[in-house]
Amino acid sequence: MDEPETHNPTDAQRLDPRDLLAALSRGYFPMAEDAGALEVGWYRPDPRAVMPLDEGEFRVRRSLAKFIRRGALEVRFDVDFAAVMDACAAPRVACPGSTQETGTWINATIRDAYAQLADHGLGHSVEVFADGRRVGGLYGVALGGAFLAESMFSHRPYASQVCLVALVKRLRARGFSLMDVQFVNPHLEQFGVEAISAEAYESRLWRALGQGPCW
């Protein structure tokens, strides 16, 4: 995969939500070097990863489907967007059995800008609970018929996967035509994630933005 295209960093003290929306609408998204970084870079991957929304193309493994049917986790939407972002930004163990933690690309500037989008009804979260405790979640931005997924976290096996399946079900039911997941990774490959050119992505994004609010 090609390296992301990085553009001029912004001042870390402020990222205007209007500028963020304008960038997202053109296919760019912000990332910081780490949680304490004083700058935010803009990225536009080529190829771009999108999640299929058609029932025949979005794949759910048999074991995951069986787990979902058991109902061990409760799915809720838009309960606490800020809490989901904080969990996504928290350091994580690099791999099973390791004590080494990985960093995050979500700094305070990014968190504040996306939180403002949530306050205006554009940022959304999917959250799963077990015994009343949040154990997994993901967040993103809904623009017209496009959902731009940003990050997810999991504190229990299957938790983030349950979020993803619930999100796709909702997007499909409400007529969304695009789900952006930015980069291909092994976690997403199991669901049938597709890598398309940046040009193809921009074309699909433009059409989705013209659909009007779907969330």
Foldseek 3Di string as FASTA:
>chain_A
DDDWDWDDWDFQVADALVNQVVQVLQQWHWFAPFQPGGTIIITHDFFFKWFDLDPVQFDDDPVLVVVVVVVQKDKDKAPDLLVFVVQQQDWDAPDPPGPDTDGGRDYPRNSVSLVVCVVVVFKMKMFIDGPRHTFKIWIFGFAQLETETDGMDGNDPCGHVVSVVVVSVLSSVQPRDIYTPGDDDPVRVNRNMDTDGSVVVSVSSVVRNVNGGRD
